[in-house]
Amino acid sequence: MTMGALLGIAGMVIGASAIIRSLMIYGQSIGSAEPDPERVRRFIETAPPLPKHLLRAAHESAGSDAQDPSTTKVGPEAYGHDPQGGSR
């Protein structure tokens, strides 16, 4: 065999072993990525309250609702086009 053939075979073996090893590690990591419900509960209980300036006021949340199509704009003004010819 030539040196080029040996290098090609060695490269394929190394690549195949790297793929197999990464799949094994990925399989092990799936289970460890799930959150522990007890730790999540403790984290939420010990979280400090939100400052008032971060909470939405009633008039801010009374605008358009993304889930309700009757409250969204329809037409050219929804895309920033002014019907009188100007732009925003």
N, C-alpha and C. Protein backbone atom coordinates (compact mmCIF):
# COMPACT_ATOMS: atom_id res chain seq x y z
N MET A 1 0.84 -1.19 0.00
CA MET A 1 0.00 0.00 0.00
C MET A 1 0.88 1.24 0.00
N THR A 2 0.31 2.24 -0.58
CA THR A 2 1.07 3.49 -0.62
C THR A 2 0.80 4.30 0.65
N MET A 3 1.61 5.30 0.83
CA MET A 3 1.46 6.16 2.01
C MET A 3 0.14 6.92 1.96
N GLY A 4 -0.28 7.35 0.79
CA GLY A 4 -1.54 8.07 0.65
C GLY A 4 -2.73 7.20 1.03
N ALA A 5 -2.70 5.93 0.64
CA ALA A 5 -3.79 5.01 0.99
C ALA A 5 -3.85 4.79 2.50
N LEU A 6 -2.68 4.63 3.13
CA LEU A 6 -2.64 4.43 4.59
C LEU A 6 -3.17 5.66 5.32
N LEU A 7 -2.80 6.85 4.85
CA LEU A 7 -3.30 8.07 5.47
C LEU A 7 -4.82 8.20 5.29
N GLY A 8 -5.31 7.82 4.11
CA GLY A 8 -6.75 7.87 3.86
C GLY A 8 -7.51 6.91 4.75
N ILE A 9 -7.02 5.69 4.90
CA ILE A 9 -7.66 4.71 5.77
C ILE A 9 -7.61 5.17 7.23
N ALA A 10 -6.47 5.70 7.66
CA ALA A 10 -6.34 6.18 9.03
C ALA A 10 -7.29 7.34 9.29
N GLY A 11 -7.44 8.24 8.32
CA GLY A 11 -8.37 9.36 8.48
C GLY A 11 -9.81 8.90 8.60
N MET A 12 -10.18 7.89 7.80
CA MET A 12 -11.55 7.37 7.89
C MET A 12 -11.80 6.67 9.22
N VAL A 13 -10.84 5.93 9.71
CA VAL A 13 -10.99 5.24 11.00
C VAL A 13 -11.10 6.27 12.13
N ILE A 14 -10.28 7.28 12.09
CA ILE A 14 -10.33 8.32 13.13
C ILE A 14 -11.67 9.05 13.07
N GLY A 15 -12.14 9.38 11.86
CA GLY A 15 -13.42 10.07 11.72
C GLY A 15 -14.58 9.22 12.21
N ALA A 16 -14.59 7.93 11.86
CA ALA A 16 -15.67 7.03 12.30
C ALA A 16 -15.65 6.87 13.81
N SER A 17 -14.47 6.74 14.40
CA SER A 17 -14.42 6.59 15.85
C SER A 17 -14.85 7.88 16.55
N ALA A 18 -14.56 9.03 15.96
CA ALA A 18 -15.00 10.30 16.56
C ALA A 18 -16.52 10.42 16.51
N ILE A 19 -17.13 9.99 15.41
CA ILE A 19 -18.59 10.03 15.31
C ILE A 19 -19.22 9.10 16.33
N ILE A 20 -18.69 7.90 16.46
CA ILE A 20 -19.25 6.93 17.42
C ILE A 20 -19.11 7.48 18.84
N ARG A 21 -17.95 8.04 19.17
CA ARG A 21 -17.72 8.57 20.52
C ARG A 21 -18.65 9.76 20.81
N SER A 22 -18.84 10.64 19.83
CA SER A 22 -19.73 11.79 20.05
C SER A 22 -21.17 11.35 20.22
N LEU A 23 -21.61 10.32 19.50
CA LEU A 23 -22.97 9.81 19.68
C LEU A 23 -23.15 9.18 21.06
N MET A 24 -22.11 8.51 21.56
CA MET A 24 -22.19 7.93 22.90
C MET A 24 -22.31 9.03 23.96
N ILE A 25 -21.50 10.06 23.84
CA ILE A 25 -21.55 11.17 24.80
C ILE A 25 -22.89 11.89 24.71
N TYR A 26 -23.40 12.09 23.50
CA TYR A 26 -24.70 12.73 23.32
C TYR A 26 -25.80 11.92 24.01
N GLY A 27 -25.76 10.61 23.86
CA GLY A 27 -26.75 9.75 24.52
C GLY A 27 -26.71 9.85 26.04
N GLN A 28 -25.53 10.02 26.59
CA GLN A 28 -25.40 10.16 28.03
C GLN A 28 -25.86 11.53 28.52
N SER A 29 -25.71 12.55 27.67
CA SER A 29 -26.03 13.91 28.11
C SER A 29 -27.52 14.22 28.05
N ILE A 30 -28.29 13.46 27.31
CA ILE A 30 -29.73 13.74 27.20
C ILE A 30 -30.41 13.64 28.56
N GLY A 31 -30.11 12.60 29.32
CA GLY A 31 -30.73 12.42 30.63
C GLY A 31 -30.31 13.47 31.63
N SER A 32 -29.08 13.94 31.55
CA SER A 32 -28.61 14.91 32.53
C SER A 32 -29.09 16.32 32.24
N ALA A 33 -29.67 16.56 31.06
CA ALA A 33 -30.13 17.90 30.71
C ALA A 33 -31.52 18.20 31.25
N GLU A 34 -32.22 17.21 31.76
CA GLU A 34 -33.57 17.44 32.30
C GLU A 34 -33.47 18.14 33.65
N PRO A 35 -34.31 19.15 33.88
CA PRO A 35 -34.24 19.86 35.17
C PRO A 35 -34.80 19.02 36.31
N ASP A 36 -34.23 19.22 37.47
CA ASP A 36 -34.70 18.55 38.68
C ASP A 36 -35.88 19.36 39.23
N PRO A 37 -37.08 18.79 39.32
CA PRO A 37 -38.25 19.56 39.77
C PRO A 37 -38.07 20.17 41.16
N GLU A 38 -37.39 19.49 42.04
CA GLU A 38 -37.19 20.02 43.40
C GLU A 38 -36.29 21.25 43.36
N ARG A 39 -35.22 21.22 42.57
CA ARG A 39 -34.34 22.38 42.47
C ARG A 39 -35.04 23.56 41.81
N VAL A 40 -35.88 23.28 40.81
CA VAL A 40 -36.63 24.36 40.15
C VAL A 40 -37.59 25.00 41.15
N ARG A 41 -38.27 24.19 41.95
CA ARG A 41 -39.21 24.72 42.95
C ARG A 41 -38.48 25.61 43.96
N ARG A 42 -37.32 25.14 44.45
CA ARG A 42 -36.55 25.94 45.40
C ARG A 42 -36.05 27.24 44.78
N PHE A 43 -35.65 27.18 43.51
CA PHE A 43 -35.17 28.37 42.82
C PHE A 43 -36.28 29.41 42.70
N ILE A 44 -37.46 28.98 42.34
CA ILE A 44 -38.59 29.90 42.20
C ILE A 44 -38.99 30.48 43.55
N GLU A 45 -38.98 29.66 44.59
CA GLU A 45 -39.37 30.14 45.92
C GLU A 45 -38.38 31.16 46.47
N THR A 46 -37.10 31.02 46.14
CA THR A 46 -36.10 31.93 46.71
C THR A 46 -35.81 33.13 45.81
N ALA A 47 -36.47 33.22 44.67
CA ALA A 47 -36.22 34.35 43.76
C ALA A 47 -36.76 35.64 44.38
N PRO A 48 -36.02 36.72 44.23
CA PRO A 48 -36.50 38.00 44.77
C PRO A 48 -37.68 38.50 43.93
N PRO A 49 -38.55 39.32 44.52
CA PRO A 49 -39.67 39.86 43.75
C PRO A 49 -39.18 40.81 42.66
N LEU A 50 -39.97 40.93 41.59
CA LEU A 50 -39.61 41.84 40.50
C LEU A 50 -39.79 43.28 40.94
N PRO A 51 -38.86 44.14 40.57
CA PRO A 51 -39.04 45.57 40.88
C PRO A 51 -40.26 46.12 40.12
N LYS A 52 -40.89 47.11 40.71
CA LYS A 52 -42.11 47.66 40.12
C LYS A 52 -41.90 48.24 38.73
N HIS A 53 -40.72 48.79 38.46
CA HIS A 53 -40.50 49.40 37.15
C HIS A 53 -40.38 48.35 36.03
N LEU A 54 -40.23 47.07 36.38
CA LEU A 54 -40.18 46.03 35.37
C LEU A 54 -41.54 45.41 35.08
N LEU A 55 -42.49 45.66 35.93
CA LEU A 55 -43.83 45.12 35.72
C LEU A 55 -44.59 45.99 34.74
N ARG A 56 -45.42 45.39 33.91
CA ARG A 56 -46.21 46.15 32.95
C ARG A 56 -47.38 46.81 33.65
N ALA A 57 -47.64 48.04 33.26
CA ALA A 57 -48.81 48.73 33.79
C ALA A 57 -50.04 48.23 33.05
N ALA A 58 -51.22 48.48 33.62
CA ALA A 58 -52.47 48.00 33.03
C ALA A 58 -52.69 48.61 31.65
N HIS A 59 -52.33 49.88 31.45
CA HIS A 59 -52.55 50.50 30.15
C HIS A 59 -51.61 49.97 29.08
N GLU A 60 -50.44 49.42 29.47
CA GLU A 60 -49.52 48.85 28.49
C GLU A 60 -49.98 47.50 27.99
N SER A 61 -50.59 46.72 28.86
CA SER A 61 -51.02 45.39 28.45
C SER A 61 -52.40 45.40 27.84
N ALA A 62 -53.09 46.54 27.82
CA ALA A 62 -54.44 46.61 27.26
C ALA A 62 -54.43 46.89 25.77
N GLY A 63 -53.27 46.94 25.14
CA GLY A 63 -53.16 47.24 23.71
C GLY A 63 -53.51 46.05 22.85
N SER A 64 -52.72 45.81 21.83
CA SER A 64 -53.02 44.71 20.93
C SER A 64 -52.53 43.39 21.51
N ASP A 65 -53.28 42.37 21.23
CA ASP A 65 -52.95 41.03 21.69
C ASP A 65 -52.51 40.22 20.48
N ALA A 66 -51.30 39.65 20.54
CA ALA A 66 -50.77 38.92 19.38
C ALA A 66 -51.60 37.68 19.07
N GLN A 67 -52.29 37.14 20.05
CA GLN A 67 -53.09 35.94 19.83
C GLN A 67 -54.48 36.25 19.29
N ASP A 68 -54.92 37.49 19.40
CA ASP A 68 -56.26 37.88 18.97
C ASP A 68 -56.15 38.71 17.70
N PRO A 69 -56.52 38.15 16.55
CA PRO A 69 -56.35 38.89 15.30
C PRO A 69 -57.23 40.12 15.19
N SER A 70 -58.28 40.23 16.00
CA SER A 70 -59.16 41.40 15.90
C SER A 70 -58.50 42.65 16.47
N THR A 71 -57.40 42.51 17.23
CA THR A 71 -56.76 43.68 17.82
C THR A 71 -55.51 44.11 17.07
N THR A 72 -55.15 43.40 16.02
CA THR A 72 -53.95 43.77 15.27
C THR A 72 -54.32 44.65 14.09
N LYS A 73 -53.37 45.50 13.68
CA LYS A 73 -53.60 46.38 12.54
C LYS A 73 -53.54 45.56 11.25
N VAL A 74 -54.40 45.93 10.33
CA VAL A 74 -54.37 45.29 9.02
C VAL A 74 -54.32 46.41 7.99
N GLY A 75 -53.46 46.30 7.05
CA GLY A 75 -53.36 47.32 6.02
C GLY A 75 -51.96 47.86 5.92
N PRO A 76 -51.78 48.88 5.09
CA PRO A 76 -50.43 49.42 4.88
C PRO A 76 -49.81 50.00 6.14
N GLU A 77 -50.64 50.56 7.04
CA GLU A 77 -50.08 51.17 8.25
C GLU A 77 -49.46 50.13 9.18
N ALA A 78 -49.84 48.87 9.02
CA ALA A 78 -49.25 47.82 9.84
C ALA A 78 -47.79 47.59 9.48
N TYR A 79 -47.39 47.99 8.28
CA TYR A 79 -46.02 47.78 7.82
C TYR A 79 -45.22 49.07 7.77
N GLY A 80 -45.71 50.13 8.39
CA GLY A 80 -44.98 51.38 8.45
C GLY A 80 -45.20 52.29 7.28
N HIS A 81 -46.20 52.01 6.46
CA HIS A 81 -46.50 52.86 5.30
C HIS A 81 -47.61 53.85 5.65
N ASP A 82 -47.38 55.09 5.37
CA ASP A 82 -48.39 56.13 5.62
C ASP A 82 -49.25 56.27 4.36
N PRO A 83 -50.59 56.08 4.48
CA PRO A 83 -51.45 56.19 3.32
C PRO A 83 -51.40 57.56 2.64
N GLN A 84 -50.98 58.61 3.36
CA GLN A 84 -50.89 59.96 2.77
C GLN A 84 -49.58 60.16 2.03
N GLY A 85 -48.71 59.16 1.99
CA GLY A 85 -47.50 59.27 1.19
C GLY A 85 -46.23 59.47 2.00
N GLY A 86 -46.34 59.73 3.26
CA GLY A 86 -45.15 59.92 4.10
C GLY A 86 -44.63 58.59 4.61
N SER A 87 -43.57 58.65 5.36
CA SER A 87 -43.06 57.44 6.00
C SER A 87 -42.79 57.75 7.46
N ARG A 88 -42.80 56.69 8.25
CA ARG A 88 -42.56 56.87 9.68
C ARG A 88 -41.09 56.89 9.99
